[in-house]
Amino acid sequence: MKDSKPTLYIDCTSTYITGLNTGIQRVVRNIVNRAKDFEEKYNYIGCPVVIIDGQFFKFEFSVEAQYGKGKTALPNQIKSSLERLKHQFSQIFFVGPILKFFFESVVFAGRLIYKVMKRFRLKKLKKTHTPVSKFDENSCVVFLDAFWDKNSVSGFQKAKDEAGSVISVMYDIIPITHPQFLEVAMTGLFTTALKKVSYFSDGFMSISNSVKRNLIDYFYSEKLHRDEHRYDYFHLGSDFKVGSVKEADVRDTIKTIFDGEEIWLIVGTLEPRKNHILVVLAFEEYIAKGSKAKLIILGWVGWKADNILSKIISAASYGRQIFMFTNASDSELEYCYSHCHGLFFASFTEGFGLPLVEAMQRKLKVIASDIPVFREIGGIYPQYFNPHSVESLIKALIDSHNIKDGDPSQSVLISWNQSADQFYRKVLQLHADITETKKNILKKAQSNIENSARF
């Protein structure tokens, strides 16, 4: 038994259900689709799983999730488009409020339909996929996906009771450190789930050293840390094939924007912590100074986005020098990366920041907020600014014309293959440390019992 290979059961539940390929879902896809590539190197067996009502089901992730089967991203595309239309039509005098109520009703109805569709798909999966009957002591359950998803949460108990180790991947703890940027319901859901994770998990793999430190500090402050807990981190990669995009896959409305030299991007979900409003305000002032530069905003419509959308759409230069696309494809994102001048990454807080890596990989100008995780990932490559100051951003924007290309020597620029290599190596080391610690604790407990029996 000691010499047998450990099996890594890797949770992909939320990614499978949503069909998305942004943020966490992009990480899940890239890590899991490489699960087989490192089996021989690190002597393990990789097994992607979906969790439904506390049951784990095996499936071939690369076939079912990467190539189209099971994708349900369409509801998210529709929601994003409707949210944008709602704010555009709400500007119309008299009928604006009526149209806004109509779009809100459609979005609400769409969410209900989506929930029904999701449940139907999960029931179908239970009938067509092989369940994991029981974990053994040499197995490791890795909650790689959004651990707060109720389906993933339902698998905590089985994993703790049966597996040799349980490891949870932490993307950030922003709902706890910066609750003002999220909906109250999301903050409560995340906080409750994290407390459960602290109990059910033996180890934690963060996506940056900054997140690791934040997690440890929180666990100690809330008395959630246990002596057997183990912590580590890995860095995310980027494998966008630079410049390899068919222009036929890109909308003309995007291509026609690129008729000038200075075009800047914002890439990321429209939500308060991304700081879109400050960038738009600074860019408007930059334009007022006589600049012909353009700004393209790419990202799904997220939570608490009403004020963000209103500010963008009501900007004086919207439609002429400021543009927004809430449903851009990967091909269109790559086209923008390949033809733009630079990237704004103005977040108040992040767990990692994939757009930062993607922009540095393409040797673009990068203006980023001065926060610890960006210093960790970007090194001295970006220009940094105070994310609370419009003046600081304007100064960085003007100064960018006189600064040479960024220096990548201290930045984190790795491929997804390198990222996955880090991940599987460190997860297996955590697994080994955890199982060894558990054995020592058990031996100590047995020894205490024997000593007590003697007296």
Protein backbone atom coordinates (compact mmCIF):
# COMPACT_ATOMS: atom_id res chain seq x y z
CA MET A 1 0.00 0.00 0.00
CA LYS A 2 2.87 2.34 0.79
CA ASP A 3 4.27 2.03 -2.71
CA SER A 4 0.97 2.54 -4.56
CA LYS A 5 0.39 5.71 -6.49
CA PRO A 6 -1.79 8.34 -4.84
CA THR A 7 -4.92 9.29 -6.75
CA LEU A 8 -5.74 12.98 -7.05
CA TYR A 9 -9.50 13.48 -7.29
CA ILE A 10 -9.78 17.01 -8.67
CA ASP A 11 -13.04 18.91 -8.24
CA CYS A 12 -14.22 20.68 -11.43
CA THR A 13 -17.89 21.05 -10.47
CA SER A 14 -18.56 24.76 -10.92
CA THR A 15 -16.59 24.97 -14.17
CA TYR A 16 -18.47 22.00 -15.61
CA ILE A 17 -21.84 23.48 -14.60
CA THR A 18 -21.26 27.03 -15.86
CA GLY A 19 -19.20 26.24 -18.96
CA LEU A 20 -17.29 29.50 -18.45
CA ASN A 21 -13.65 30.11 -19.31
CA THR A 22 -12.77 33.18 -17.25
CA GLY A 23 -11.13 33.64 -13.87
CA ILE A 24 -11.29 30.47 -11.77
CA GLN A 25 -12.72 28.49 -14.65
CA ARG A 26 -9.71 29.27 -16.83
CA VAL A 27 -7.41 28.02 -14.09
CA VAL A 28 -9.44 24.84 -13.60
CA ARG A 29 -9.42 24.07 -17.32
CA ASN A 30 -5.70 24.62 -17.73
CA ILE A 31 -4.67 22.67 -14.63
CA VAL A 32 -7.06 19.75 -15.11
CA ASN A 33 -6.44 19.38 -18.83
CA ARG A 34 -2.79 18.73 -17.90
CA ALA A 35 -3.52 16.25 -15.12
CA LYS A 36 -2.31 13.30 -17.21
CA ASP A 37 0.84 15.06 -18.43
CA PHE A 38 2.65 14.85 -15.10
CA GLU A 39 1.45 11.45 -13.88
CA GLU A 40 4.66 9.66 -14.79
CA LYS A 41 6.91 12.48 -13.59
CA TYR A 42 5.31 12.72 -10.14
CA ASN A 43 3.93 9.17 -9.85
CA TYR A 44 0.22 9.79 -9.29
CA ILE A 45 -3.14 9.12 -10.96
CA GLY A 46 -5.24 12.14 -11.94
CA CYS A 47 -9.02 11.85 -11.82
CA PRO A 48 -11.29 14.88 -12.50
CA VAL A 49 -14.61 14.72 -10.63
CA VAL A 50 -17.94 16.52 -10.47
CA ILE A 51 -19.75 16.58 -7.12
CA ILE A 52 -23.53 16.28 -6.98
CA ASP A 53 -25.46 15.97 -3.72
CA GLY A 54 -22.38 14.73 -1.91
CA GLN A 55 -21.49 12.12 -4.54
CA PHE A 56 -18.32 12.25 -6.64
CA PHE A 57 -18.54 11.31 -10.33
CA LYS A 58 -15.55 10.64 -12.59
CA PHE A 59 -15.36 12.18 -16.05
CA GLU A 60 -12.94 13.06 -18.85
CA PHE A 61 -12.59 16.80 -18.42
CA SER A 62 -10.66 17.52 -21.61
CA VAL A 63 -13.32 15.83 -23.74
CA GLU A 64 -16.48 17.01 -22.03
CA ALA A 65 -15.59 20.50 -20.90
CA GLN A 66 -12.93 21.74 -23.32
CA TYR A 67 -14.53 20.69 -26.57
CA GLY A 68 -18.08 21.76 -26.02
CA LYS A 69 -20.09 19.00 -24.35
CA GLY A 70 -21.79 20.35 -21.29
CA LYS A 71 -21.08 24.04 -21.88
CA THR A 72 -23.77 26.37 -20.54
CA ALA A 73 -22.11 29.75 -20.91
CA LEU A 74 -24.95 31.09 -23.09
CA PRO A 75 -27.08 32.21 -20.10
CA ASN A 76 -24.11 34.24 -18.85
CA GLN A 77 -23.72 35.87 -22.28
CA ILE A 78 -27.42 36.74 -22.37
CA LYS A 79 -27.34 38.13 -18.83
CA SER A 80 -24.32 40.30 -19.63
CA SER A 81 -25.96 41.70 -22.78
CA LEU A 82 -29.28 42.36 -21.03
CA GLU A 83 -27.57 44.18 -18.15
CA ARG A 84 -25.84 46.46 -20.63
CA LEU A 85 -29.06 47.12 -22.59
CA LYS A 86 -30.88 47.85 -19.36
CA HIS A 87 -28.48 50.69 -18.55
CA GLN A 88 -28.43 52.04 -22.09
CA PHE A 89 -32.24 52.25 -22.29
CA SER A 90 -32.57 53.55 -18.74
CA GLN A 91 -31.06 56.81 -20.04
CA ILE A 92 -34.20 57.42 -22.13
CA PHE A 93 -36.49 60.03 -20.60
CA PHE A 94 -39.99 58.84 -19.47
CA VAL A 95 -39.76 55.26 -20.81
CA GLY A 96 -36.33 54.59 -19.27
CA PRO A 97 -37.62 53.28 -15.90
CA ILE A 98 -40.18 51.04 -17.66
CA LEU A 99 -37.57 49.52 -19.96
CA LYS A 100 -35.19 49.08 -17.03
CA PHE A 101 -37.87 47.15 -15.09
CA PHE A 102 -38.55 45.02 -18.19
CA PHE A 103 -34.90 44.03 -18.60
CA GLU A 104 -34.56 43.30 -14.88
CA SER A 105 -37.58 40.98 -15.13
CA VAL A 106 -36.08 39.19 -18.13
CA VAL A 107 -32.76 38.73 -16.29
CA PHE A 108 -34.60 37.33 -13.25
CA ALA A 109 -36.61 34.92 -15.40
CA GLY A 110 -33.43 33.88 -17.18
CA ARG A 111 -31.78 33.02 -13.88
CA LEU A 112 -34.68 30.75 -12.94
CA ILE A 113 -34.57 28.99 -16.31
CA TYR A 114 -30.81 28.58 -15.97
CA LYS A 115 -31.19 26.94 -12.55
CA VAL A 116 -33.70 24.46 -13.99
CA MET A 117 -31.39 23.69 -16.94
CA LYS A 118 -28.44 23.22 -14.59
CA ARG A 119 -30.32 20.80 -12.35
CA PHE A 120 -31.48 18.80 -15.37
CA ARG A 121 -27.91 18.47 -16.65
CA LEU A 122 -26.63 17.35 -13.27
CA LYS A 123 -29.29 14.66 -13.00
CA LYS A 124 -28.33 13.44 -16.46
CA LEU A 125 -24.65 13.34 -15.47
CA LYS A 126 -25.48 11.12 -12.46
CA LYS A 127 -26.97 8.54 -14.81
CA THR A 128 -24.14 8.51 -17.35
CA HIS A 129 -20.98 8.77 -15.24
CA THR A 130 -19.20 6.42 -12.85
CA PRO A 131 -19.47 7.33 -9.16
CA VAL A 132 -16.52 7.14 -6.79
CA SER A 133 -17.72 4.51 -4.33
CA LYS A 134 -15.08 5.12 -1.66
CA PHE A 135 -11.78 6.96 -1.29
CA ASP A 136 -8.80 5.16 0.21
CA GLU A 137 -6.08 6.39 2.55
CA ASN A 138 -3.74 7.04 -0.38
CA SER A 139 -6.17 9.34 -2.18
CA CYS A 140 -6.15 13.13 -2.15
CA VAL A 141 -9.29 15.17 -2.84
CA VAL A 142 -8.35 18.55 -4.32
CA PHE A 143 -11.04 21.23 -4.30
CA LEU A 144 -9.61 23.13 -7.27
CA ASP A 145 -12.88 24.81 -8.28
CA ALA A 146 -15.02 27.35 -6.44
CA PHE A 147 -15.19 25.57 -3.08
CA TRP A 148 -18.17 27.69 -1.96
CA ASP A 149 -20.39 26.23 -4.70
CA LYS A 150 -23.07 24.28 -2.85
CA ASN A 151 -22.38 21.16 -4.90
CA SER A 152 -18.70 21.22 -3.92
CA VAL A 153 -19.60 21.92 -0.29
CA SER A 154 -21.79 18.81 -0.31
CA GLY A 155 -18.67 16.70 -0.88
CA PHE A 156 -16.67 17.98 2.13
CA GLN A 157 -17.82 15.32 4.60
CA LYS A 158 -17.15 12.31 2.37
CA ALA A 159 -13.73 13.67 1.46
CA LYS A 160 -12.74 14.22 5.11
CA ASP A 161 -14.10 10.86 6.29
CA GLU A 162 -12.46 8.71 3.64
CA ALA A 163 -9.54 10.39 1.82
CA GLY A 164 -5.94 10.41 2.99
CA SER A 165 -5.84 14.18 2.57
CA VAL A 166 -8.10 17.05 1.54
CA ILE A 167 -6.53 20.10 -0.12
CA SER A 168 -8.41 23.27 -1.05
CA VAL A 169 -7.18 25.80 -3.58
CA MET A 170 -7.55 29.40 -2.47
CA TYR A 171 -7.89 32.05 -5.18
CA ASP A 172 -8.37 34.90 -2.71
CA ILE A 173 -10.27 35.78 0.46
CA ILE A 174 -11.54 39.09 -0.90
CA PRO A 175 -15.10 38.60 0.45
CA ILE A 176 -13.51 38.69 3.92
CA THR A 177 -10.75 41.27 3.45
CA HIS A 178 -12.80 43.60 1.19
CA PRO A 179 -16.51 42.82 1.75
CA GLN A 180 -17.52 46.27 0.47
CA PHE A 181 -16.86 45.14 -3.09
CA LEU A 182 -19.30 42.22 -3.04
CA GLU A 183 -22.96 41.55 -2.46
CA VAL A 184 -23.83 40.81 1.17
CA ALA A 185 -25.18 37.37 0.24
CA MET A 186 -21.92 36.42 -1.48
CA THR A 187 -19.84 37.57 1.49
CA GLY A 188 -21.95 35.50 3.87
CA LEU A 189 -21.84 32.45 1.61
CA PHE A 190 -18.07 32.65 1.22
CA THR A 191 -17.36 33.23 4.92
CA THR A 192 -19.52 30.27 5.94
CA ALA A 193 -17.93 28.03 3.31
CA LEU A 194 -14.39 29.09 4.29
CA LYS A 195 -15.02 28.15 7.92
CA LYS A 196 -16.20 24.74 6.74
CA VAL A 197 -13.14 24.44 4.51
CA SER A 198 -10.86 25.20 7.47
CA TYR A 199 -12.37 22.22 9.29
CA PHE A 200 -12.66 19.74 6.42
CA SER A 201 -9.34 20.53 4.71
CA ASP A 202 -5.87 19.44 5.73
CA GLY A 203 -3.95 21.63 3.29
CA PHE A 204 -4.32 24.82 1.29
CA MET A 205 -2.78 25.72 -2.05
CA SER A 206 -3.01 29.44 -2.88
CA ILE A 207 -2.46 31.05 -6.28
CA SER A 208 0.06 33.55 -4.91
CA ASN A 209 2.19 34.06 -1.84
CA SER A 210 0.08 37.14 -1.05
CA VAL A 211 -3.09 35.04 -0.84
CA LYS A 212 -1.27 32.43 1.25
CA ARG A 213 -0.21 35.07 3.78
CA ASN A 214 -3.71 36.57 3.90
CA LEU A 215 -5.23 33.13 4.50
CA ILE A 216 -2.82 32.21 7.29
CA ASP A 217 -3.34 35.59 9.00
CA TYR A 218 -7.12 35.13 8.83
CA PHE A 219 -7.04 31.57 10.13
CA TYR A 220 -4.88 32.58 13.10
CA SER A 221 -6.94 35.67 13.89
CA GLU A 222 -10.20 33.68 13.80
CA LYS A 223 -8.66 30.65 15.58
CA LEU A 224 -9.37 28.44 12.57
CA HIS A 225 -5.79 27.21 12.13
CA ARG A 226 -4.99 23.65 13.23
CA ASP A 227 -1.54 22.21 13.87
CA GLU A 228 -1.99 19.69 11.05
CA HIS A 229 -2.79 22.39 8.48
CA ARG A 230 -0.24 22.77 5.69
CA TYR A 231 0.08 25.74 3.31
CA ASP A 232 1.76 26.37 -0.04
CA TYR A 233 1.22 28.36 -3.23
CA PHE A 234 1.80 28.18 -6.98
CA HIS A 235 1.66 30.78 -9.74
CA LEU A 236 -0.70 30.86 -12.69
CA GLY A 237 0.40 30.71 -16.30
CA SER A 238 -0.53 32.12 -19.66
CA ASP A 239 -0.62 30.28 -22.97
CA PHE A 240 -2.51 32.63 -25.28
CA LYS A 241 -0.94 32.10 -28.69
CA VAL A 242 0.28 35.60 -29.35
CA GLY A 243 -1.03 36.94 -32.64
CA SER A 244 -2.58 33.65 -33.73
CA VAL A 245 -6.14 34.78 -34.32
CA LYS A 246 -8.29 34.73 -37.45
CA GLU A 247 -9.55 38.22 -38.15
CA ALA A 248 -12.75 36.70 -39.53
CA ASP A 249 -13.58 35.68 -35.93
CA VAL A 250 -13.40 39.30 -34.76
CA ARG A 251 -16.35 41.67 -35.09
CA ASP A 252 -15.87 44.67 -37.37
CA THR A 253 -17.05 46.93 -34.54
CA ILE A 254 -13.88 45.93 -32.66
CA LYS A 255 -11.48 46.01 -35.60
CA THR A 256 -12.53 49.50 -36.70
CA ILE A 257 -11.49 50.92 -33.31
CA PHE A 258 -7.85 50.13 -34.04
CA ASP A 259 -7.11 53.03 -36.38
CA GLY A 260 -4.74 54.78 -34.01
CA GLU A 261 -1.53 53.98 -32.17
CA GLU A 262 -2.45 54.60 -28.54
CA ILE A 263 -5.19 52.18 -27.58
CA TRP A 264 -5.51 50.95 -24.00
CA LEU A 265 -7.33 47.95 -22.59
CA ILE A 266 -9.11 47.03 -19.39
CA VAL A 267 -9.69 43.28 -19.10
CA GLY A 268 -11.86 41.88 -16.32
CA THR A 269 -15.36 41.44 -14.97
CA LEU A 270 -17.29 44.65 -14.38
CA GLU A 271 -17.42 44.77 -10.58
CA PRO A 272 -16.43 47.43 -8.00
CA ARG A 273 -13.02 46.07 -6.98
CA LYS A 274 -11.76 46.29 -10.59
CA ASN A 275 -11.88 50.09 -10.30
CA HIS A 276 -13.26 50.81 -13.78
CA ILE A 277 -14.75 54.14 -12.76
CA LEU A 278 -11.42 55.65 -11.71
CA VAL A 279 -9.84 54.60 -15.03
CA VAL A 280 -12.70 56.13 -17.02
CA LEU A 281 -12.48 59.39 -15.06
CA ALA A 282 -8.72 59.57 -15.57
CA PHE A 283 -9.04 58.73 -19.26
CA GLU A 284 -11.67 61.42 -19.76
CA GLU A 285 -9.24 63.98 -18.31
CA TYR A 286 -6.48 62.59 -20.51
CA ILE A 287 -8.72 63.09 -23.54
CA ALA A 288 -9.60 66.61 -22.37
CA LYS A 289 -5.89 67.43 -22.50
CA GLY A 290 -6.01 66.76 -26.24
CA SER A 291 -5.18 63.05 -26.44
CA LYS A 292 -6.55 60.98 -29.34
CA ALA A 293 -6.07 57.77 -27.35
CA LYS A 294 -8.84 55.19 -27.05
CA LEU A 295 -9.91 52.90 -24.24
CA ILE A 296 -11.52 49.48 -24.74
CA ILE A 297 -13.22 47.80 -21.78
CA LEU A 298 -13.63 44.02 -22.08
CA GLY A 299 -15.44 41.97 -19.44
CA TRP A 300 -18.61 40.24 -18.34
CA VAL A 301 -21.11 42.23 -16.29
CA GLY A 302 -20.66 41.08 -12.70
CA TRP A 303 -22.14 42.05 -9.35
CA LYS A 304 -22.90 45.56 -8.07
CA ALA A 305 -22.22 46.81 -11.59
CA ASP A 306 -25.10 49.29 -11.99
CA ASN A 307 -23.06 52.38 -11.10
CA ILE A 308 -20.08 51.18 -13.17
CA LEU A 309 -22.19 50.68 -16.30
CA SER A 310 -23.90 54.05 -15.83
CA LYS A 311 -20.58 55.88 -15.48
CA ILE A 312 -19.11 54.22 -18.56
CA ILE A 313 -22.14 54.69 -20.79
CA SER A 314 -22.65 58.31 -19.70
CA ALA A 315 -19.00 59.26 -20.28
CA ALA A 316 -18.71 62.13 -22.77
CA SER A 317 -16.31 60.12 -24.97
CA TYR A 318 -18.30 56.87 -24.90
CA GLY A 319 -18.70 55.50 -28.40
CA ARG A 320 -15.93 57.72 -29.78
CA GLN A 321 -12.82 57.13 -27.66
CA ILE A 322 -14.18 54.87 -24.91
CA PHE A 323 -15.72 51.54 -25.88
CA MET A 324 -17.15 48.56 -23.97
CA PHE A 325 -17.71 44.93 -25.02
CA THR A 326 -19.34 42.68 -22.43
CA ASN A 327 -19.34 39.48 -24.48
CA ALA A 328 -15.96 39.39 -26.22
CA SER A 329 -14.69 35.99 -27.31
CA ASP A 330 -11.18 34.64 -26.67
CA SER A 331 -10.33 35.46 -30.29
CA GLU A 332 -11.45 39.05 -29.84
CA LEU A 333 -9.54 39.33 -26.58
CA GLU A 334 -6.38 38.10 -28.30
CA TYR A 335 -6.95 40.51 -31.21
CA CYS A 336 -7.17 43.42 -28.75
CA TYR A 337 -4.05 42.27 -26.91
CA SER A 338 -2.19 41.96 -30.22
CA HIS A 339 -3.10 45.42 -31.49
CA CYS A 340 -3.25 47.60 -28.39
CA HIS A 341 -0.69 49.91 -26.81
CA GLY A 342 -1.08 48.92 -23.18
CA LEU A 343 -3.18 47.59 -20.31
CA PHE A 344 -4.71 49.27 -17.27
CA PHE A 345 -5.03 46.98 -14.27
CA ALA A 346 -6.45 49.22 -11.58
CA SER A 347 -7.89 46.69 -9.11
CA PHE A 348 -8.07 47.51 -5.43
CA THR A 349 -7.32 43.87 -4.64
CA GLU A 350 -6.66 40.62 -6.52
CA GLY A 351 -5.65 37.05 -5.84
CA PHE A 352 -3.28 36.94 -8.80
CA GLY A 353 -4.19 38.94 -11.92
CA LEU A 354 -4.01 36.94 -15.16
CA PRO A 355 -4.37 40.03 -17.43
CA LEU A 356 -1.14 41.34 -15.91
CA VAL A 357 0.71 38.21 -17.02
CA GLU A 358 -0.98 38.18 -20.42
CA ALA A 359 -0.01 41.80 -21.06
CA MET A 360 3.60 41.34 -19.92
CA GLN A 361 3.88 38.26 -22.12
CA ARG A 362 3.01 40.46 -25.09
CA LYS A 363 5.47 43.19 -23.97
CA LEU A 364 2.70 45.77 -23.66
CA LYS A 365 2.81 48.88 -21.54
CA VAL A 366 1.25 48.05 -18.16
CA ILE A 367 -0.11 50.55 -15.65
CA ALA A 368 -1.14 48.71 -12.50
CA SER A 369 -2.38 49.59 -9.06
CA ASP A 370 0.27 49.47 -6.36
CA ILE A 371 -0.89 46.45 -4.35
CA PRO A 372 1.26 43.61 -2.91
CA VAL A 373 0.15 40.85 -5.28
CA PHE A 374 0.95 42.96 -8.36
CA ARG A 375 4.42 43.66 -6.96
CA GLU A 376 4.81 39.90 -6.45
CA ILE A 377 3.68 39.01 -9.99
CA GLY A 378 4.82 42.05 -11.96
CA GLY A 379 8.08 42.94 -10.24
CA ILE A 380 9.48 46.14 -11.75
CA TYR A 381 7.76 45.64 -15.13
CA PRO A 382 4.59 47.75 -14.65
CA GLN A 383 4.22 51.39 -13.81
CA TYR A 384 2.43 51.54 -10.47
CA PHE A 385 -0.09 54.10 -9.30
CA ASN A 386 -2.30 54.76 -6.29
CA PRO A 387 -5.65 53.06 -7.10
CA HIS A 388 -7.48 55.70 -5.03
CA SER A 389 -6.11 58.67 -6.98
CA VAL A 390 -7.21 59.87 -10.43
CA GLU A 391 -4.22 62.23 -10.49
CA SER A 392 -1.81 59.37 -9.82
CA LEU A 393 -3.20 57.41 -12.78
CA ILE A 394 -3.11 60.42 -15.12
CA LYS A 395 0.52 61.03 -14.19
CA ALA A 396 1.39 57.36 -14.84
CA LEU A 397 -0.41 57.54 -18.19
CA ILE A 398 1.48 60.67 -19.28
CA ASP A 399 4.79 59.31 -17.99
CA SER A 400 4.29 56.06 -19.91
CA HIS A 401 5.30 57.84 -23.11
CA ASN A 402 8.79 58.50 -21.76
CA ILE A 403 9.43 55.12 -20.14
CA LYS A 404 11.17 52.29 -21.95
CA ASP A 405 9.71 48.79 -22.22
CA GLY A 406 9.08 47.09 -18.88
CA ASP A 407 11.75 44.89 -17.34
CA PRO A 408 10.42 41.30 -16.97
CA SER A 409 13.45 40.00 -15.04
CA GLN A 410 11.66 40.01 -11.68
CA SER A 411 8.16 39.17 -12.92
CA VAL A 412 6.27 35.89 -12.94
CA LEU A 413 6.02 34.89 -16.58
CA ILE A 414 5.36 31.17 -16.89
CA SER A 415 3.34 28.95 -19.21
CA TRP A 416 0.37 26.89 -18.11
CA ASN A 417 2.57 23.80 -18.44
CA GLN A 418 4.99 25.30 -15.91
CA SER A 419 2.10 26.35 -13.69
CA ALA A 420 0.59 22.85 -13.77
CA ASP A 421 4.03 21.36 -13.06
CA GLN A 422 4.28 23.55 -9.94
CA PHE A 423 0.76 22.66 -8.92
CA TYR A 424 1.02 18.88 -9.12
CA ARG A 425 4.47 18.80 -7.52
CA LYS A 426 3.39 20.93 -4.58
CA VAL A 427 0.00 19.25 -4.11
CA LEU A 428 1.71 15.86 -3.88
CA GLN A 429 4.23 17.24 -1.40
CA LEU A 430 1.37 18.62 0.70
CA HIS A 431 -0.37 15.23 0.49
CA ALA A 432 2.78 13.45 1.66
CA ASP A 433 3.30 15.91 4.54
CA ILE A 434 -0.32 15.66 5.61
CA THR A 435 -0.50 11.86 5.58
CA GLU A 436 2.79 11.63 7.48
CA THR A 437 1.53 14.13 10.06
CA LYS A 438 -1.69 12.17 10.50
CA LYS A 439 0.29 8.96 11.06
CA ASN A 440 2.44 10.65 13.70
CA ILE A 441 -0.63 12.07 15.45
CA LEU A 442 -2.23 8.61 15.42
CA LYS A 443 0.94 6.98 16.78
CA LYS A 444 1.16 9.57 19.54
CA ALA A 445 -2.48 9.03 20.48
CA GLN A 446 -2.03 5.25 20.57
CA SER A 447 1.11 5.64 22.67
CA ASN A 448 -0.76 7.84 25.15
CA ILE A 449 -3.53 5.25 25.39
CA GLU A 450 -1.01 2.46 26.02
CA ASN A 451 0.81 4.50 28.65
CA SER A 452 -2.48 5.30 30.39
CA ALA A 453 -3.41 1.59 30.40
CA ARG A 454 -0.17 0.71 32.20
CA PHE A 455 -1.05 2.95 35.08
